[in-house]
Amino acid sequence: MQPPQDWDKIASLLKPVYTAPTEEAALDRFAEFADAWGRKYPAIVKLWENAWEEFTPFLRFDTEIASSAPPTRSSR
């Protein structure tokens, strides 16, 4: 689990991943996140990599619907 002091930083870099307009854009944003935090939090990167196939259909939703979906406690 990541320390509380990093939550805001991590969330700010992951938000562009799950709000990206396309899968390609999401992958680019995720690569930026992995570059910035992958050494410190490899488990977060691994979690996203393992869940990528389940996550990407979410990107097909209209951006208005996708952006209104509430974040889950587990994504913090």
C-alpha atoms as a PDB file:
ATOM      1  CA  MET A   1       0.000   0.000   0.000  1.00  0.00           C
ATOM      2  CA  GLN A   2       1.223   3.477  -0.788  1.00  0.00           C
ATOM      3  CA  PRO A   3       1.828   5.956   2.056  1.00  0.00           C
ATOM      4  CA  PRO A   4      -0.867   8.646   2.493  1.00  0.00           C
ATOM      5  CA  GLN A   5       1.552  11.428   1.561  1.00  0.00           C
ATOM      6  CA  ASP A   6       1.762  10.052  -2.002  1.00  0.00           C
ATOM      7  CA  TRP A   7      -1.970   9.473  -2.588  1.00  0.00           C
ATOM      8  CA  ASP A   8      -2.645  12.871  -4.151  1.00  0.00           C
ATOM      9  CA  LYS A   9       0.387  12.644  -6.420  1.00  0.00           C
ATOM     10  CA  ILE A  10      -0.513   9.133  -7.527  1.00  0.00           C
ATOM     11  CA  ALA A  11      -4.161  10.054  -8.084  1.00  0.00           C
ATOM     12  CA  SER A  12      -3.235  13.109 -10.139  1.00  0.00           C
ATOM     13  CA  LEU A  13      -1.114  10.996 -12.474  1.00  0.00           C
ATOM     14  CA  LEU A  14      -3.658   8.185 -12.751  1.00  0.00           C
ATOM     15  CA  LYS A  15      -6.661  10.431 -13.439  1.00  0.00           C
ATOM     16  CA  PRO A  16      -5.515  11.154 -17.027  1.00  0.00           C
ATOM     17  CA  VAL A  17      -5.325   7.378 -17.552  1.00  0.00           C
ATOM     18  CA  TYR A  18      -8.950   6.664 -16.677  1.00  0.00           C
ATOM     19  CA  THR A  19     -10.256   9.881 -18.254  1.00  0.00           C
ATOM     20  CA  ALA A  20      -8.342   9.448 -21.517  1.00  0.00           C
ATOM     21  CA  PRO A  21     -10.422   9.717 -24.698  1.00  0.00           C
ATOM     22  CA  THR A  22      -8.889   6.586 -26.247  1.00  0.00           C
ATOM     23  CA  GLU A  23      -7.064   3.446 -25.206  1.00  0.00           C
ATOM     24  CA  GLU A  24      -3.913   4.701 -26.920  1.00  0.00           C
ATOM     25  CA  ALA A  25      -4.039   7.952 -24.952  1.00  0.00           C
ATOM     26  CA  ALA A  26      -4.660   6.001 -21.737  1.00  0.00           C
ATOM     27  CA  LEU A  27      -1.668   3.796 -22.463  1.00  0.00           C
ATOM     28  CA  ASP A  28       0.514   6.869 -23.025  1.00  0.00           C
ATOM     29  CA  ARG A  29      -0.636   8.394 -19.723  1.00  0.00           C
ATOM     30  CA  PHE A  30      -0.111   5.084 -17.945  1.00  0.00           C
ATOM     31  CA  ALA A  31       3.436   4.915 -19.312  1.00  0.00           C
ATOM     32  CA  GLU A  32       4.059   8.364 -17.817  1.00  0.00           C
ATOM     33  CA  PHE A  33       2.738   7.136 -14.479  1.00  0.00           C
ATOM     34  CA  ALA A  34       4.843   3.965 -14.622  1.00  0.00           C
ATOM     35  CA  ASP A  35       7.959   6.000 -15.438  1.00  0.00           C
ATOM     36  CA  ALA A  36       7.341   8.351 -12.528  1.00  0.00           C
ATOM     37  CA  TRP A  37       6.241   5.855  -9.850  1.00  0.00           C
ATOM     38  CA  GLY A  38       7.105   2.362 -11.065  1.00  0.00           C
ATOM     39  CA  ARG A  39      10.292   2.023  -9.036  1.00  0.00           C
ATOM     40  CA  LYS A  40       8.703   3.221  -5.817  1.00  0.00           C
ATOM     41  CA  TYR A  41       5.362   1.416  -6.263  1.00  0.00           C
ATOM     42  CA  PRO A  42       5.832  -1.508  -8.653  1.00  0.00           C
ATOM     43  CA  ALA A  43       2.719  -3.205  -7.231  1.00  0.00           C
ATOM     44  CA  ILE A  44       0.502  -0.363  -8.476  1.00  0.00           C
ATOM     45  CA  VAL A  45       1.974  -0.638 -11.966  1.00  0.00           C
ATOM     46  CA  LYS A  46       1.545  -4.419 -11.917  1.00  0.00           C
ATOM     47  CA  LEU A  47      -2.061  -4.070 -10.738  1.00  0.00           C
ATOM     48  CA  TRP A  48      -2.909  -1.766 -13.641  1.00  0.00           C
ATOM     49  CA  GLU A  49      -1.077  -3.976 -16.135  1.00  0.00           C
ATOM     50  CA  ASN A  50      -2.938  -7.053 -14.910  1.00  0.00           C
ATOM     51  CA  ALA A  51      -6.310  -5.277 -15.047  1.00  0.00           C
ATOM     52  CA  TRP A  52      -5.765  -3.469 -18.353  1.00  0.00           C
ATOM     53  CA  GLU A  53      -8.066  -5.751 -20.386  1.00  0.00           C
ATOM     54  CA  GLU A  54     -10.864  -5.253 -17.861  1.00  0.00           C
ATOM     55  CA  PHE A  55     -10.257  -1.498 -17.734  1.00  0.00           C
ATOM     56  CA  THR A  56     -10.124  -0.670 -21.445  1.00  0.00           C
ATOM     57  CA  PRO A  57     -13.817  -1.317 -22.211  1.00  0.00           C
ATOM     58  CA  PHE A  58     -14.537   1.535 -19.783  1.00  0.00           C
ATOM     59  CA  LEU A  59     -12.833   3.869 -22.269  1.00  0.00           C
ATOM     60  CA  ARG A  60     -15.524   3.116 -24.851  1.00  0.00           C
ATOM     61  CA  PHE A  61     -18.152   4.897 -22.750  1.00  0.00           C
ATOM     62  CA  ASP A  62     -19.097   8.416 -23.660  1.00  0.00           C
ATOM     63  CA  THR A  63     -16.745  10.752 -21.773  1.00  0.00           C
ATOM     64  CA  GLU A  64     -19.675  12.320 -19.913  1.00  0.00           C
ATOM     65  CA  ILE A  65     -20.735   8.923 -18.562  1.00  0.00           C
ATOM     66  CA  ALA A  66     -17.203   7.804 -17.800  1.00  0.00           C
ATOM     67  CA  SER A  67     -16.321  11.000 -15.947  1.00  0.00           C
ATOM     68  CA  SER A  68     -19.414  10.749 -13.774  1.00  0.00           C
ATOM     69  CA  ALA A  69     -18.513   7.261 -12.509  1.00  0.00           C
ATOM     70  CA  PRO A  70     -17.419   7.570  -8.904  1.00  0.00           C
ATOM     71  CA  PRO A  71     -13.932   6.352  -7.968  1.00  0.00           C
ATOM     72  CA  THR A  72     -13.814   3.273  -5.820  1.00  0.00           C
ATOM     73  CA  ARG A  73     -12.178   3.092  -2.433  1.00  0.00           C
ATOM     74  CA  SER A  74      -9.776   0.465  -3.771  1.00  0.00           C
ATOM     75  CA  SER A  75      -8.493   2.847  -6.448  1.00  0.00           C
ATOM     76  CA  ARG A  76      -7.086   5.263  -3.881  1.00  0.00           C
END
